[in-house]
Amino acid sequence: MVTIGTVGYGDIVPHTGWGRVLGAVVIVVGVIFISFLNATATSLFVSADQQELTGRTEERRAASEEEKRAVLNVLLKRLEASEEKLDRNRG
């Protein structure tokens, strides 16, 4: 149990049966706690990265929408200018 928990071999060890059981439980709980702590930290890093990627996607989408509006405005102005020329030529 001590080797699995990688807590090392020290000079102070439990000598009674119940002390050894308690020591084993503390080792297992410690390993589980560290595992959960590691999983939580990793999850936070991954979710932060996903939020950053989502933000970049939204920025690109917004920039794309602005570009589309700008192109449509240019086309609209050209269409209006063409219509004015046609009206002048008719009249």
C-alpha atoms as a PDB file:
ATOM      1  CA  MET A   1       0.000   0.000   0.000  1.00  0.00           C
ATOM      2  CA  VAL A   2       2.848   2.397   0.794  1.00  0.00           C
ATOM      3  CA  THR A   3       4.510   1.689  -2.550  1.00  0.00           C
ATOM      4  CA  ILE A   4       1.256   2.189  -4.477  1.00  0.00           C
ATOM      5  CA  GLY A   5       0.646   5.488  -2.706  1.00  0.00           C
ATOM      6  CA  THR A   6       4.247   6.554  -3.366  1.00  0.00           C
ATOM      7  CA  VAL A   7       4.412   8.081   0.096  1.00  0.00           C
ATOM      8  CA  GLY A   8       7.804   6.522   0.720  1.00  0.00           C
ATOM      9  CA  TYR A   9       9.250   4.457   3.507  1.00  0.00           C
ATOM     10  CA  GLY A  10       9.772   6.495   6.638  1.00  0.00           C
ATOM     11  CA  ASP A  11      11.065   5.842  10.121  1.00  0.00           C
ATOM     12  CA  ILE A  12       7.666   6.568  11.629  1.00  0.00           C
ATOM     13  CA  VAL A  13       5.195   3.829  10.744  1.00  0.00           C
ATOM     14  CA  PRO A  14       2.039   2.482  12.383  1.00  0.00           C
ATOM     15  CA  HIS A  15       2.662  -0.694  14.403  1.00  0.00           C
ATOM     16  CA  THR A  16      -0.863  -1.811  15.273  1.00  0.00           C
ATOM     17  CA  GLY A  17      -3.310  -3.413  12.902  1.00  0.00           C
ATOM     18  CA  TRP A  18      -5.776  -0.545  13.134  1.00  0.00           C
ATOM     19  CA  GLY A  19      -2.992   1.979  12.659  1.00  0.00           C
ATOM     20  CA  ARG A  20      -1.957   0.227   9.456  1.00  0.00           C
ATOM     21  CA  VAL A  21      -5.564   0.143   8.245  1.00  0.00           C
ATOM     22  CA  LEU A  22      -5.936   3.840   8.999  1.00  0.00           C
ATOM     23  CA  GLY A  23      -2.629   4.553   7.227  1.00  0.00           C
ATOM     24  CA  ALA A  24      -3.783   2.596   4.170  1.00  0.00           C
ATOM     25  CA  VAL A  25      -7.079   4.506   4.110  1.00  0.00           C
ATOM     26  CA  VAL A  26      -5.253   7.839   4.357  1.00  0.00           C
ATOM     27  CA  ILE A  27      -2.975   6.825   1.462  1.00  0.00           C
ATOM     28  CA  VAL A  28      -5.904   5.801  -0.754  1.00  0.00           C
ATOM     29  CA  VAL A  29      -7.891   8.936   0.079  1.00  0.00           C
ATOM     30  CA  GLY A  30      -4.805  11.059  -0.630  1.00  0.00           C
ATOM     31  CA  VAL A  31      -4.234   9.451  -4.026  1.00  0.00           C
ATOM     32  CA  ILE A  32      -7.917   9.891  -4.913  1.00  0.00           C
ATOM     33  CA  PHE A  33      -7.837  13.540  -3.776  1.00  0.00           C
ATOM     34  CA  ILE A  34      -4.759  14.308  -5.871  1.00  0.00           C
ATOM     35  CA  SER A  35      -6.386  12.573  -8.864  1.00  0.00           C
ATOM     36  CA  PHE A  36      -9.532  14.692  -8.526  1.00  0.00           C
ATOM     37  CA  LEU A  37      -7.462  17.830  -8.057  1.00  0.00           C
ATOM     38  CA  ASN A  38      -5.488  17.052 -11.212  1.00  0.00           C
ATOM     39  CA  ALA A  39      -8.677  16.291 -13.180  1.00  0.00           C
ATOM     40  CA  THR A  40     -10.287  19.544 -12.016  1.00  0.00           C
ATOM     41  CA  ALA A  41      -7.272  21.650 -12.977  1.00  0.00           C
ATOM     42  CA  THR A  42      -7.064  19.955 -16.377  1.00  0.00           C
ATOM     43  CA  SER A  43     -10.785  20.513 -16.928  1.00  0.00           C
ATOM     44  CA  LEU A  44     -10.404  24.224 -16.156  1.00  0.00           C
ATOM     45  CA  PHE A  45      -7.560  24.577 -18.655  1.00  0.00           C
ATOM     46  CA  VAL A  46      -9.503  22.727 -21.357  1.00  0.00           C
ATOM     47  CA  SER A  47     -12.690  24.758 -20.815  1.00  0.00           C
ATOM     48  CA  ALA A  48     -10.707  28.024 -20.891  1.00  0.00           C
ATOM     49  CA  ASP A  49      -9.130  26.950 -24.183  1.00  0.00           C
ATOM     50  CA  GLN A  50     -12.533  26.034 -25.619  1.00  0.00           C
ATOM     51  CA  GLN A  51     -13.972  29.406 -24.593  1.00  0.00           C
ATOM     52  CA  GLU A  52     -11.053  31.160 -26.262  1.00  0.00           C
ATOM     53  CA  LEU A  53     -11.613  29.195 -29.470  1.00  0.00           C
ATOM     54  CA  THR A  54     -15.337  29.955 -29.335  1.00  0.00           C
ATOM     55  CA  GLY A  55     -14.562  33.655 -28.886  1.00  0.00           C
ATOM     56  CA  ARG A  56     -12.256  33.609 -31.900  1.00  0.00           C
ATOM     57  CA  THR A  57     -14.962  31.920 -33.964  1.00  0.00           C
ATOM     58  CA  GLU A  58     -17.485  34.577 -32.929  1.00  0.00           C
ATOM     59  CA  GLU A  59     -14.998  37.335 -33.816  1.00  0.00           C
ATOM     60  CA  ARG A  60     -14.441  35.799 -37.250  1.00  0.00           C
ATOM     61  CA  ARG A  61     -18.173  35.458 -37.770  1.00  0.00           C
ATOM     62  CA  ALA A  62     -18.729  39.093 -36.786  1.00  0.00           C
ATOM     63  CA  ALA A  63     -15.902  40.244 -39.065  1.00  0.00           C
ATOM     64  CA  SER A  64     -17.342  38.147 -41.865  1.00  0.00           C
ATOM     65  CA  GLU A  65     -20.767  39.731 -41.369  1.00  0.00           C
ATOM     66  CA  GLU A  66     -19.225  43.207 -41.468  1.00  0.00           C
ATOM     67  CA  GLU A  67     -17.368  42.349 -44.675  1.00  0.00           C
ATOM     68  CA  LYS A  68     -20.591  41.071 -46.238  1.00  0.00           C
ATOM     69  CA  ARG A  69     -22.413  44.277 -45.295  1.00  0.00           C
ATOM     70  CA  ALA A  70     -19.600  46.392 -46.739  1.00  0.00           C
ATOM     71  CA  VAL A  71     -19.657  44.466 -50.031  1.00  0.00           C
ATOM     72  CA  LEU A  72     -23.448  44.717 -50.197  1.00  0.00           C
ATOM     73  CA  ASN A  73     -23.281  48.468 -49.590  1.00  0.00           C
ATOM     74  CA  VAL A  74     -20.752  48.870 -52.411  1.00  0.00           C
ATOM     75  CA  LEU A  75     -22.931  46.798 -54.738  1.00  0.00           C
ATOM     76  CA  LEU A  76     -26.004  48.780 -53.741  1.00  0.00           C
ATOM     77  CA  LYS A  77     -24.258  52.076 -54.506  1.00  0.00           C
ATOM     78  CA  ARG A  78     -23.121  50.755 -57.890  1.00  0.00           C
ATOM     79  CA  LEU A  79     -26.639  49.566 -58.674  1.00  0.00           C
ATOM     80  CA  GLU A  80     -28.090  52.951 -57.746  1.00  0.00           C
ATOM     81  CA  ALA A  81     -25.489  54.723 -59.893  1.00  0.00           C
ATOM     82  CA  SER A  82     -26.319  52.421 -62.829  1.00  0.00           C
ATOM     83  CA  GLU A  83     -30.028  53.083 -62.417  1.00  0.00           C
ATOM     84  CA  GLU A  84     -29.419  56.836 -62.384  1.00  0.00           C
ATOM     85  CA  LYS A  85     -27.415  56.583 -65.621  1.00  0.00           C
ATOM     86  CA  LEU A  86     -30.185  54.548 -67.243  1.00  0.00           C
ATOM     87  CA  ASP A  87     -32.804  57.082 -66.126  1.00  0.00           C
ATOM     88  CA  ARG A  88     -30.724  59.975 -67.531  1.00  0.00           C
ATOM     89  CA  ASN A  89     -30.255  58.188 -70.847  1.00  0.00           C
ATOM     90  CA  ARG A  90     -33.995  57.539 -71.161  1.00  0.00           C
ATOM     91  CA  GLY A  91     -35.020  61.013 -70.288  1.00  0.00           C
END
